[in-house]
Amino acid sequence: MEEILADESTIAKEADDVVQQSILGMFIGAIVPSLQRLAKPTKMSTLATAIGECAQLTSNSASVKVVVSVVESFAALHERALSCFNNVLLVIEESLKAWFRKHGDCVDQWWRLLIDIAQLLFGTAGSPAELADTDQRLRFAVLEPTISCMWTLARSAQGAVPATREQIEGLIHVCEQAPNSDLRVKAIGVLGSIACRKPGHIEENQRIGTYLLDKVVCTPLLAAGAPSDSSGVEPIIEALDLIYDIYGDQAYDYDEAVFVHGDFLAKLRNCYLPMRKLVKTVDRRVKRELRDRGDLVVQNMRGFIDYKDSERR
């Protein structure tokens, strides 16, 4: 793909022309719309709506099994379509990042689509109690690649997505309800990208920054039963990395209003030693990459604290 798109300097000057004539242009113009149609849930995409559609056919257990099988097939279809879409976004991010800045209309459209998918999946009623576990598993199976796409899109667009306060609250809810660490990390990543919007988004930044620092970082680190495995470490590492980026310059319009007035520096100081201790519990022989990333986050944490301490002197 890099050979097709040429080098970065050429892309920066002639991004639209290069894309139009490339395989990527075909993906954006023809394949992405098809992926979006395949990704969008139907009435047969959740157990609750599917059972409602087939009410006359689900009077016995055999019929219910058929409906579950159909919903599983739809979930697999949506999951694969979203994964393909995310791969396209990752290629653009890697080889043609300037494209996102030039095409805010596409960014907005894709963001709204992903939000619609999440709302269609989770705005519907739950399934009967006996199917609740299966229902949740299938919903989260589609939600995870949806959040992956949102993260790539928001990150690539440098936070310039039309995220509303309600959507931010929804992402925080995903963080709180995520059944696994991977989904939580992805939702944290989306929130961190949105928090980088500037100027004019101080309230949203405050909500996200306070949540990341207080709930994701401080609460587990300062609790009596601090996380003791990698599933608890990864979200904290991701949140800290994002905090360094979000509040890396006092010139940002939200820095004083949120970081300074929110006493973020003192909170980070209180968390430094617990974080260093937690990272040391990660066995380098078993999870070398995670341990290396954790060590780097702790090192950067010390540097970030010193930097922010001296910034306003």
Protein backbone atom coordinates (compact mmCIF):
# COMPACT_ATOMS: atom_id res chain seq x y z
CA MET A 1 0.00 0.00 0.00
CA GLU A 2 2.85 2.39 0.73
CA GLU A 3 4.26 1.77 -2.75
CA ILE A 4 0.88 2.50 -4.30
CA LEU A 5 0.39 5.67 -2.27
CA ALA A 6 3.98 6.89 -2.85
CA ASP A 7 6.00 8.68 -0.22
CA GLU A 8 4.67 10.95 2.53
CA SER A 9 5.71 14.21 0.86
CA THR A 10 3.88 13.39 -2.35
CA ILE A 11 0.82 12.34 -0.38
CA ALA A 12 0.81 15.59 1.57
CA LYS A 13 0.75 17.63 -1.66
CA GLU A 14 -1.60 15.53 -3.77
CA ALA A 15 -3.55 13.44 -1.28
CA ASP A 16 -6.89 13.52 -3.09
CA ASP A 17 -5.43 12.72 -6.52
CA VAL A 18 -3.32 9.90 -5.12
CA VAL A 19 -6.25 8.33 -3.31
CA GLN A 20 -8.57 8.67 -6.30
CA GLN A 21 -6.17 6.70 -8.48
CA SER A 22 -5.22 4.06 -5.90
CA ILE A 23 -6.64 0.81 -4.60
CA LEU A 24 -7.47 2.72 -1.42
CA GLY A 25 -9.65 5.05 -3.47
CA MET A 26 -11.62 2.05 -4.68
CA PHE A 27 -12.03 0.87 -1.10
CA ILE A 28 -13.29 4.26 0.09
CA GLY A 29 -15.61 4.79 -2.86
CA ALA A 30 -17.02 1.31 -3.42
CA ILE A 31 -16.11 -1.21 -0.75
CA VAL A 32 -16.51 0.87 2.43
CA PRO A 33 -20.19 1.64 1.72
CA SER A 34 -20.82 -2.09 1.28
CA LEU A 35 -19.01 -2.86 4.52
CA GLN A 36 -21.14 -0.26 6.26
CA ARG A 37 -24.34 -1.85 5.02
CA LEU A 38 -23.17 -5.26 6.20
CA ALA A 39 -22.13 -3.83 9.57
CA LYS A 40 -25.46 -2.19 10.34
CA PRO A 41 -27.68 -4.37 12.56
CA THR A 42 -31.12 -5.54 11.47
CA LYS A 43 -34.11 -6.80 13.44
CA MET A 44 -32.46 -10.22 13.37
CA SER A 45 -29.21 -8.97 14.90
CA THR A 46 -30.16 -9.15 18.57
CA LEU A 47 -32.01 -11.91 20.33
CA ALA A 48 -34.61 -9.58 21.77
CA THR A 49 -35.71 -8.17 18.39
CA ALA A 50 -35.30 -11.50 16.57
CA ILE A 51 -37.52 -13.31 19.07
CA GLY A 52 -40.05 -10.52 18.69
CA GLU A 53 -40.02 -10.93 14.91
CA CYS A 54 -40.43 -14.69 15.21
CA ALA A 55 -42.83 -14.74 18.14
CA GLN A 56 -45.10 -17.33 16.53
CA LEU A 57 -42.17 -19.61 15.76
CA THR A 58 -40.46 -19.56 19.15
CA SER A 59 -42.98 -21.45 21.24
CA ASN A 60 -40.64 -24.40 21.69
CA SER A 61 -36.96 -24.84 22.47
CA ALA A 62 -36.08 -26.12 18.98
CA SER A 63 -37.40 -22.95 17.38
CA VAL A 64 -35.52 -20.80 19.88
CA LYS A 65 -32.29 -22.60 18.96
CA VAL A 66 -32.88 -21.75 15.30
CA VAL A 67 -33.38 -18.08 16.16
CA VAL A 68 -30.22 -18.06 18.27
CA SER A 69 -28.31 -19.62 15.38
CA VAL A 70 -29.56 -16.92 12.99
CA VAL A 71 -28.61 -14.13 15.40
CA GLU A 72 -25.15 -15.68 15.83
CA SER A 73 -24.71 -15.63 12.05
CA PHE A 74 -25.73 -11.98 11.86
CA ALA A 75 -23.35 -11.11 14.72
CA ALA A 76 -20.49 -12.86 12.90
CA LEU A 77 -21.32 -10.95 9.71
CA HIS A 78 -21.39 -7.59 11.48
CA GLU A 79 -18.19 -8.39 13.34
CA ARG A 80 -16.30 -9.28 10.15
CA ALA A 81 -17.58 -6.27 8.23
CA LEU A 82 -16.53 -3.94 11.05
CA SER A 83 -13.13 -5.61 11.30
CA CYS A 84 -12.61 -5.09 7.56
CA PHE A 85 -13.68 -1.46 7.90
CA ASN A 86 -11.21 -0.99 10.74
CA ASN A 87 -8.45 -2.44 8.56
CA VAL A 88 -9.22 0.17 5.90
CA LEU A 89 -9.06 2.92 8.52
CA LEU A 90 -5.76 1.56 9.81
CA VAL A 91 -4.27 1.63 6.30
CA ILE A 92 -5.31 5.26 5.86
CA GLU A 93 -3.92 6.12 9.28
CA GLU A 94 -0.61 4.46 8.52
CA SER A 95 -0.08 5.67 4.96
CA LEU A 96 -2.27 8.71 4.40
CA LYS A 97 -3.11 10.42 7.68
CA ALA A 98 -3.57 13.80 5.99
CA TRP A 99 -6.64 12.37 4.28
CA PHE A 100 -8.66 12.58 7.51
CA ARG A 101 -7.95 16.30 7.86
CA LYS A 102 -9.12 16.94 4.30
CA HIS A 103 -12.31 14.91 4.56
CA GLY A 104 -14.07 15.88 7.76
CA ASP A 105 -17.39 15.06 6.10
CA CYS A 106 -16.42 11.39 5.81
CA VAL A 107 -15.11 11.38 9.36
CA ASP A 108 -18.44 12.77 10.60
CA GLN A 109 -20.46 10.32 8.51
CA TRP A 110 -18.45 7.30 9.64
CA TRP A 111 -18.58 8.37 13.27
CA ARG A 112 -22.37 8.73 13.16
CA LEU A 113 -22.66 5.31 11.55
CA LEU A 114 -20.60 3.68 14.31
CA ILE A 115 -22.64 5.45 16.97
CA ASP A 116 -25.84 4.27 15.28
CA ILE A 117 -24.59 0.68 15.31
CA ALA A 118 -23.81 0.87 19.02
CA GLN A 119 -27.18 2.43 19.78
CA LEU A 120 -29.09 -0.08 17.65
CA LEU A 121 -27.40 -2.90 19.53
CA PHE A 122 -27.68 -1.52 23.03
CA GLY A 123 -30.75 0.64 22.81
CA THR A 124 -32.99 -2.39 22.48
CA ALA A 125 -34.51 -4.35 25.33
CA GLY A 126 -32.74 -7.36 26.76
CA SER A 127 -33.62 -10.96 26.03
CA PRO A 128 -35.49 -13.33 28.33
CA ALA A 129 -33.52 -14.32 31.42
CA GLU A 130 -32.69 -17.78 30.11
CA LEU A 131 -30.97 -16.20 27.07
CA ALA A 132 -29.39 -13.24 28.84
CA ASP A 133 -25.82 -14.58 28.80
CA THR A 134 -25.96 -15.46 25.10
CA ASP A 135 -27.58 -12.12 24.34
CA GLN A 136 -24.81 -10.21 26.11
CA ARG A 137 -22.07 -12.28 24.47
CA LEU A 138 -23.40 -11.59 20.97
CA ARG A 139 -23.93 -7.88 21.60
CA PHE A 140 -20.41 -7.40 22.91
CA ALA A 141 -19.02 -9.45 20.03
CA VAL A 142 -20.28 -6.73 17.67
CA LEU A 143 -19.59 -3.82 20.04
CA GLU A 144 -15.87 -4.57 20.32
CA PRO A 145 -15.04 -4.11 16.60
CA THR A 146 -17.36 -1.08 16.58
CA ILE A 147 -15.32 0.52 19.35
CA SER A 148 -12.12 -0.48 17.52
CA CYS A 149 -13.30 1.45 14.47
CA MET A 150 -14.24 4.43 16.63
CA TRP A 151 -10.80 4.41 18.23
CA THR A 152 -8.95 4.29 14.90
CA LEU A 153 -11.17 6.99 13.44
CA ALA A 154 -10.95 9.34 16.44
CA ARG A 155 -7.20 8.80 16.78
CA SER A 156 -6.52 9.34 13.07
CA ALA A 157 -8.68 12.47 12.99
CA GLN A 158 -6.84 13.78 16.07
CA GLY A 159 -10.07 13.80 18.03
CA ALA A 160 -11.99 15.77 15.40
CA VAL A 161 -15.13 13.63 15.58
CA PRO A 162 -18.62 15.00 16.34
CA ALA A 163 -18.86 13.27 19.72
CA THR A 164 -21.64 14.63 21.92
CA ARG A 165 -21.78 14.67 25.71
CA GLU A 166 -24.34 11.87 25.59
CA GLN A 167 -22.02 9.75 23.45
CA ILE A 168 -19.13 10.41 25.83
CA GLU A 169 -21.29 9.14 28.69
CA GLY A 170 -22.13 6.08 26.61
CA LEU A 171 -18.43 5.33 26.08
CA ILE A 172 -17.81 5.71 29.81
CA HIS A 173 -20.64 3.25 30.38
CA VAL A 174 -18.93 0.82 27.99
CA CYS A 175 -15.72 1.17 30.04
CA GLU A 176 -17.61 0.33 33.20
CA GLN A 177 -19.52 -2.61 31.72
CA ALA A 178 -16.85 -4.10 29.44
CA PRO A 179 -16.55 -7.86 29.99
CA ASN A 180 -12.85 -7.89 29.15
CA SER A 181 -9.76 -5.72 29.34
CA ASP A 182 -9.36 -5.40 25.56
CA LEU A 183 -12.74 -3.72 25.10
CA ARG A 184 -12.12 -1.44 28.08
CA VAL A 185 -8.76 -0.35 26.70
CA LYS A 186 -10.33 0.44 23.32
CA ALA A 187 -13.11 2.50 24.89
CA ILE A 188 -10.52 4.36 26.98
CA GLY A 189 -8.60 5.03 23.77
CA VAL A 190 -11.66 6.54 22.10
CA LEU A 191 -12.31 8.77 25.11
CA GLY A 192 -8.69 9.92 25.19
CA SER A 193 -8.78 10.87 21.52
CA ILE A 194 -12.00 12.85 22.00
CA ALA A 195 -10.47 14.65 24.99
CA CYS A 196 -7.74 16.06 22.74
CA ARG A 197 -10.24 18.28 20.88
CA LYS A 198 -9.35 21.94 21.17
CA PRO A 199 -10.20 24.70 21.46
CA GLY A 200 -13.72 25.00 22.84
CA HIS A 201 -14.31 21.59 24.43
CA ILE A 202 -13.36 22.26 28.04
CA GLU A 203 -16.44 20.64 29.62
CA GLU A 204 -16.03 17.44 27.64
CA ASN A 205 -12.33 17.36 28.42
CA GLN A 206 -13.06 17.79 32.11
CA ARG A 207 -15.53 14.90 32.12
CA ILE A 208 -13.16 12.57 30.29
CA GLY A 209 -9.97 13.65 32.05
CA THR A 210 -11.55 13.36 35.48
CA TYR A 211 -12.95 9.94 34.67
CA LEU A 212 -9.64 8.62 33.33
CA LEU A 213 -7.59 9.88 36.24
CA ASP A 214 -10.02 9.33 39.12
CA LYS A 215 -11.79 6.13 38.09
CA VAL A 216 -9.42 4.33 35.75
CA VAL A 217 -6.10 5.24 37.38
CA CYS A 218 -6.46 6.42 40.99
CA THR A 219 -9.33 4.26 42.25
CA PRO A 220 -7.76 0.87 41.45
CA LEU A 221 -4.21 1.96 42.36
CA LEU A 222 -5.15 3.41 45.73
CA ALA A 223 -7.68 0.74 46.64
CA ALA A 224 -6.78 -1.91 49.20
CA GLY A 225 -7.08 -4.64 46.60
CA ALA A 226 -5.10 -3.12 43.73
CA PRO A 227 -5.10 -5.00 40.41
CA SER A 228 -2.79 -7.98 40.48
CA ASP A 229 -2.94 -9.23 36.90
CA SER A 230 -2.50 -7.90 33.38
CA SER A 231 -6.24 -7.41 32.84
CA GLY A 232 -6.16 -4.73 35.52
CA VAL A 233 -2.84 -3.20 34.45
CA GLU A 234 -3.56 -2.54 30.76
CA PRO A 235 -6.43 -0.03 31.20
CA ILE A 236 -4.34 1.96 33.71
CA ILE A 237 -1.37 2.04 31.34
CA GLU A 238 -3.56 3.20 28.46
CA ALA A 239 -5.21 5.90 30.57
CA LEU A 240 -1.86 7.24 31.82
CA ASP A 241 -0.41 7.34 28.30
CA LEU A 242 -3.43 9.35 27.19
CA ILE A 243 -3.20 11.75 30.13
CA TYR A 244 0.39 12.58 29.18
CA ASP A 245 -0.75 13.41 25.64
CA ILE A 246 -3.92 15.28 26.57
CA TYR A 247 -2.26 17.57 29.12
CA GLY A 248 1.17 17.85 27.54
CA ASP A 249 1.12 21.63 27.12
CA GLN A 250 -0.14 24.40 29.38
CA ALA A 251 -1.13 26.39 26.29
CA TYR A 252 -4.08 24.08 25.64
CA ASP A 253 -7.29 25.89 26.54
CA TYR A 254 -8.42 23.15 28.91
CA ASP A 255 -5.11 22.70 30.76
CA GLU A 256 -5.58 25.27 33.51
CA ALA A 257 -9.33 24.76 33.82
CA VAL A 258 -9.05 20.97 34.10
CA PHE A 259 -5.53 19.83 34.95
CA VAL A 260 -4.61 22.67 37.30
CA HIS A 261 -7.97 23.37 38.92
CA GLY A 262 -8.71 19.66 39.15
CA ASP A 263 -5.49 19.10 41.11
CA PHE A 264 -4.42 16.42 38.65
CA LEU A 265 -0.73 16.82 39.53
CA ALA A 266 -1.23 15.92 43.20
CA LYS A 267 -3.34 12.92 42.20
CA LEU A 268 -0.62 11.69 39.86
CA ARG A 269 1.99 12.08 42.60
CA ASN A 270 -0.13 9.95 44.95
CA CYS A 271 -0.38 7.26 42.29
CA TYR A 272 3.28 7.12 41.29
CA LEU A 273 4.57 4.64 43.88
CA PRO A 274 1.48 2.36 43.67
CA MET A 275 1.83 2.33 39.88
CA ARG A 276 5.52 1.45 40.06
CA LYS A 277 4.71 -1.34 42.50
CA LEU A 278 1.90 -2.66 40.32
CA VAL A 279 4.03 -2.77 37.18
CA LYS A 280 6.66 -4.81 38.99
CA THR A 281 4.08 -7.53 39.58
CA VAL A 282 3.90 -8.17 35.81
CA ASP A 283 6.14 -11.17 35.09
CA ARG A 284 8.54 -10.15 32.32
CA ARG A 285 9.04 -13.79 31.33
CA VAL A 286 5.33 -14.26 30.70
CA LYS A 287 4.22 -10.83 29.49
CA ARG A 288 7.37 -9.11 28.33
CA GLU A 289 5.65 -6.55 26.07
CA LEU A 290 3.22 -5.50 28.80
CA ARG A 291 6.01 -5.24 31.37
CA ASP A 292 8.16 -3.14 29.03
CA ARG A 293 5.26 -0.84 28.33
CA GLY A 294 4.48 -0.59 32.03
CA ASP A 295 8.08 0.27 32.89
CA LEU A 296 8.05 2.99 30.22
CA VAL A 297 4.77 4.41 31.52
CA VAL A 298 6.21 4.62 35.04
CA GLN A 299 9.34 6.30 33.72
CA ASN A 300 7.26 8.77 31.73
CA MET A 301 5.01 9.32 34.74
CA ARG A 302 7.96 10.57 36.77
CA GLY A 303 9.07 12.82 33.93
CA PHE A 304 5.55 14.11 33.31
CA ILE A 305 5.06 14.97 36.99
CA ASP A 306 8.35 16.90 37.05
CA TYR A 307 7.48 18.64 33.78
CA LYS A 308 4.03 19.74 34.88
CA ASP A 309 5.42 20.81 38.25
CA SER A 310 7.91 23.17 36.56
CA GLU A 311 5.62 24.29 33.74
CA ARG A 312 3.85 27.07 35.63
CA ARG A 313 6.68 28.23 37.85
